[in-house]
Amino acid sequence: MLGLAVAVAFSMVMALLSWPAAHPWVLALILVAAVGAGWLWLRRRQEAARWEQVRAQGLRYAVEHLDSLRHDDFESAYET
């Protein structure tokens, strides 16, 4: 009984390994999709970092100076 289970498992593994060899375009398609997704993820991270830098440059005052501002002076802390 154990021999039959091993034979079935071996047969399934061989089938799983031979299918991509018979259909290489599927692996190529998966590779292209993964590269595209990685590129898109990297671009979005770069864009988010750039927007964070722009937002941080929009502050006129340092954090220490912001702490000392009165309640009606906060409007002038951002550039228009």
C-alpha atoms as a PDB file:
ATOM      1  CA  MET A   1       0.000   0.000   0.000  1.00  0.00           C
ATOM      2  CA  LEU A   2       2.864   2.378   0.824  1.00  0.00           C
ATOM      3  CA  GLY A   3       4.491   1.534  -2.504  1.00  0.00           C
ATOM      4  CA  LEU A   4       1.331   2.563  -4.333  1.00  0.00           C
ATOM      5  CA  ALA A   5       1.223   5.897  -2.474  1.00  0.00           C
ATOM      6  CA  VAL A   6       4.874   6.562  -3.336  1.00  0.00           C
ATOM      7  CA  ALA A   7       4.255   5.677  -6.973  1.00  0.00           C
ATOM      8  CA  VAL A   8       1.246   7.997  -7.155  1.00  0.00           C
ATOM      9  CA  ALA A   9       3.169  10.818  -5.461  1.00  0.00           C
ATOM     10  CA  PHE A  10       6.132  10.330  -7.812  1.00  0.00           C
ATOM     11  CA  SER A  11       3.796  10.296 -10.793  1.00  0.00           C
ATOM     12  CA  MET A  12       2.139  13.539  -9.689  1.00  0.00           C
ATOM     13  CA  VAL A  13       5.496  15.249  -9.133  1.00  0.00           C
ATOM     14  CA  MET A  14       6.687  14.177 -12.574  1.00  0.00           C
ATOM     15  CA  ALA A  15       3.465  15.448 -14.146  1.00  0.00           C
ATOM     16  CA  LEU A  16       3.854  18.789 -12.389  1.00  0.00           C
ATOM     17  CA  LEU A  17       7.444  19.075 -13.595  1.00  0.00           C
ATOM     18  CA  SER A  18       6.759  17.995 -17.171  1.00  0.00           C
ATOM     19  CA  TRP A  19       3.821  20.362 -17.716  1.00  0.00           C
ATOM     20  CA  PRO A  20       5.940  23.571 -17.586  1.00  0.00           C
ATOM     21  CA  ALA A  21       8.473  21.935 -19.903  1.00  0.00           C
ATOM     22  CA  ALA A  22       5.687  21.352 -22.421  1.00  0.00           C
ATOM     23  CA  HIS A  23       4.259  24.877 -21.963  1.00  0.00           C
ATOM     24  CA  PRO A  24       7.228  27.285 -21.604  1.00  0.00           C
ATOM     25  CA  TRP A  25       5.097  30.263 -22.627  1.00  0.00           C
ATOM     26  CA  VAL A  26       3.235  30.041 -19.317  1.00  0.00           C
ATOM     27  CA  LEU A  27       6.476  30.426 -17.367  1.00  0.00           C
ATOM     28  CA  ALA A  28       7.498  33.319 -19.616  1.00  0.00           C
ATOM     29  CA  LEU A  29       4.138  34.978 -19.054  1.00  0.00           C
ATOM     30  CA  ILE A  30       4.433  34.568 -15.287  1.00  0.00           C
ATOM     31  CA  LEU A  31       7.956  35.992 -15.395  1.00  0.00           C
ATOM     32  CA  VAL A  32       6.856  39.019 -17.441  1.00  0.00           C
ATOM     33  CA  ALA A  33       3.942  39.638 -15.067  1.00  0.00           C
ATOM     34  CA  ALA A  34       6.223  39.408 -12.019  1.00  0.00           C
ATOM     35  CA  VAL A  35       8.749  41.817 -13.530  1.00  0.00           C
ATOM     36  CA  GLY A  36       5.959  44.226 -14.457  1.00  0.00           C
ATOM     37  CA  ALA A  37       4.464  44.081 -10.981  1.00  0.00           C
ATOM     38  CA  GLY A  38       7.881  44.659  -9.416  1.00  0.00           C
ATOM     39  CA  TRP A  39       8.537  47.620 -11.685  1.00  0.00           C
ATOM     40  CA  LEU A  40       5.130  49.111 -10.888  1.00  0.00           C
ATOM     41  CA  TRP A  41       5.685  48.630  -7.142  1.00  0.00           C
ATOM     42  CA  LEU A  42       9.097  50.322  -7.374  1.00  0.00           C
ATOM     43  CA  ARG A  43       7.712  53.263  -9.351  1.00  0.00           C
ATOM     44  CA  ARG A  44       4.902  53.789  -6.835  1.00  0.00           C
ATOM     45  CA  ARG A  45       7.388  53.748  -3.947  1.00  0.00           C
ATOM     46  CA  GLN A  46       9.575  56.295  -5.731  1.00  0.00           C
ATOM     47  CA  GLU A  47       6.576  58.510  -6.446  1.00  0.00           C
ATOM     48  CA  ALA A  48       5.418  58.336  -2.839  1.00  0.00           C
ATOM     49  CA  ALA A  49       8.916  59.254  -1.646  1.00  0.00           C
ATOM     50  CA  ARG A  50       9.029  62.160  -4.067  1.00  0.00           C
ATOM     51  CA  TRP A  51       5.653  63.468  -2.881  1.00  0.00           C
ATOM     52  CA  GLU A  52       6.770  63.138   0.729  1.00  0.00           C
ATOM     53  CA  GLN A  53       9.867  65.174  -0.096  1.00  0.00           C
ATOM     54  CA  VAL A  54       7.752  67.855  -1.792  1.00  0.00           C
ATOM     55  CA  ARG A  55       5.409  67.959   1.181  1.00  0.00           C
ATOM     56  CA  ALA A  56       8.303  68.233   3.624  1.00  0.00           C
ATOM     57  CA  GLN A  57       9.846  71.068   1.599  1.00  0.00           C
ATOM     58  CA  GLY A  58       6.534  72.911   1.776  1.00  0.00           C
ATOM     59  CA  LEU A  59       7.031  73.621   5.461  1.00  0.00           C
ATOM     60  CA  ARG A  60       8.546  77.019   6.121  1.00  0.00           C
ATOM     61  CA  TYR A  61       9.514  76.402   9.712  1.00  0.00           C
ATOM     62  CA  ALA A  62      11.406  73.727  11.600  1.00  0.00           C
ATOM     63  CA  VAL A  63       9.505  71.579  14.069  1.00  0.00           C
ATOM     64  CA  GLU A  64      11.017  73.475  16.993  1.00  0.00           C
ATOM     65  CA  HIS A  65       9.743  76.737  15.559  1.00  0.00           C
ATOM     66  CA  LEU A  66       6.288  75.281  14.943  1.00  0.00           C
ATOM     67  CA  ASP A  67       6.093  74.391  18.622  1.00  0.00           C
ATOM     68  CA  SER A  68       6.525  78.031  19.562  1.00  0.00           C
ATOM     69  CA  LEU A  69       3.897  79.425  17.165  1.00  0.00           C
ATOM     70  CA  ARG A  70       0.662  80.936  18.412  1.00  0.00           C
ATOM     71  CA  HIS A  71      -2.634  79.412  17.330  1.00  0.00           C
ATOM     72  CA  ASP A  72      -3.257  81.974  14.567  1.00  0.00           C
ATOM     73  CA  ASP A  73       0.278  81.746  13.092  1.00  0.00           C
ATOM     74  CA  PHE A  74      -0.044  78.203  11.777  1.00  0.00           C
ATOM     75  CA  GLU A  75      -1.524  79.365   8.477  1.00  0.00           C
ATOM     76  CA  SER A  76       1.769  81.016   7.547  1.00  0.00           C
ATOM     77  CA  ALA A  77       3.727  77.819   8.238  1.00  0.00           C
ATOM     78  CA  TYR A  78       2.934  76.456   4.764  1.00  0.00           C
ATOM     79  CA  GLU A  79       3.958  78.082   1.524  1.00  0.00           C
ATOM     80  CA  THR A  80       1.164  79.007  -0.830  1.00  0.00           C
END
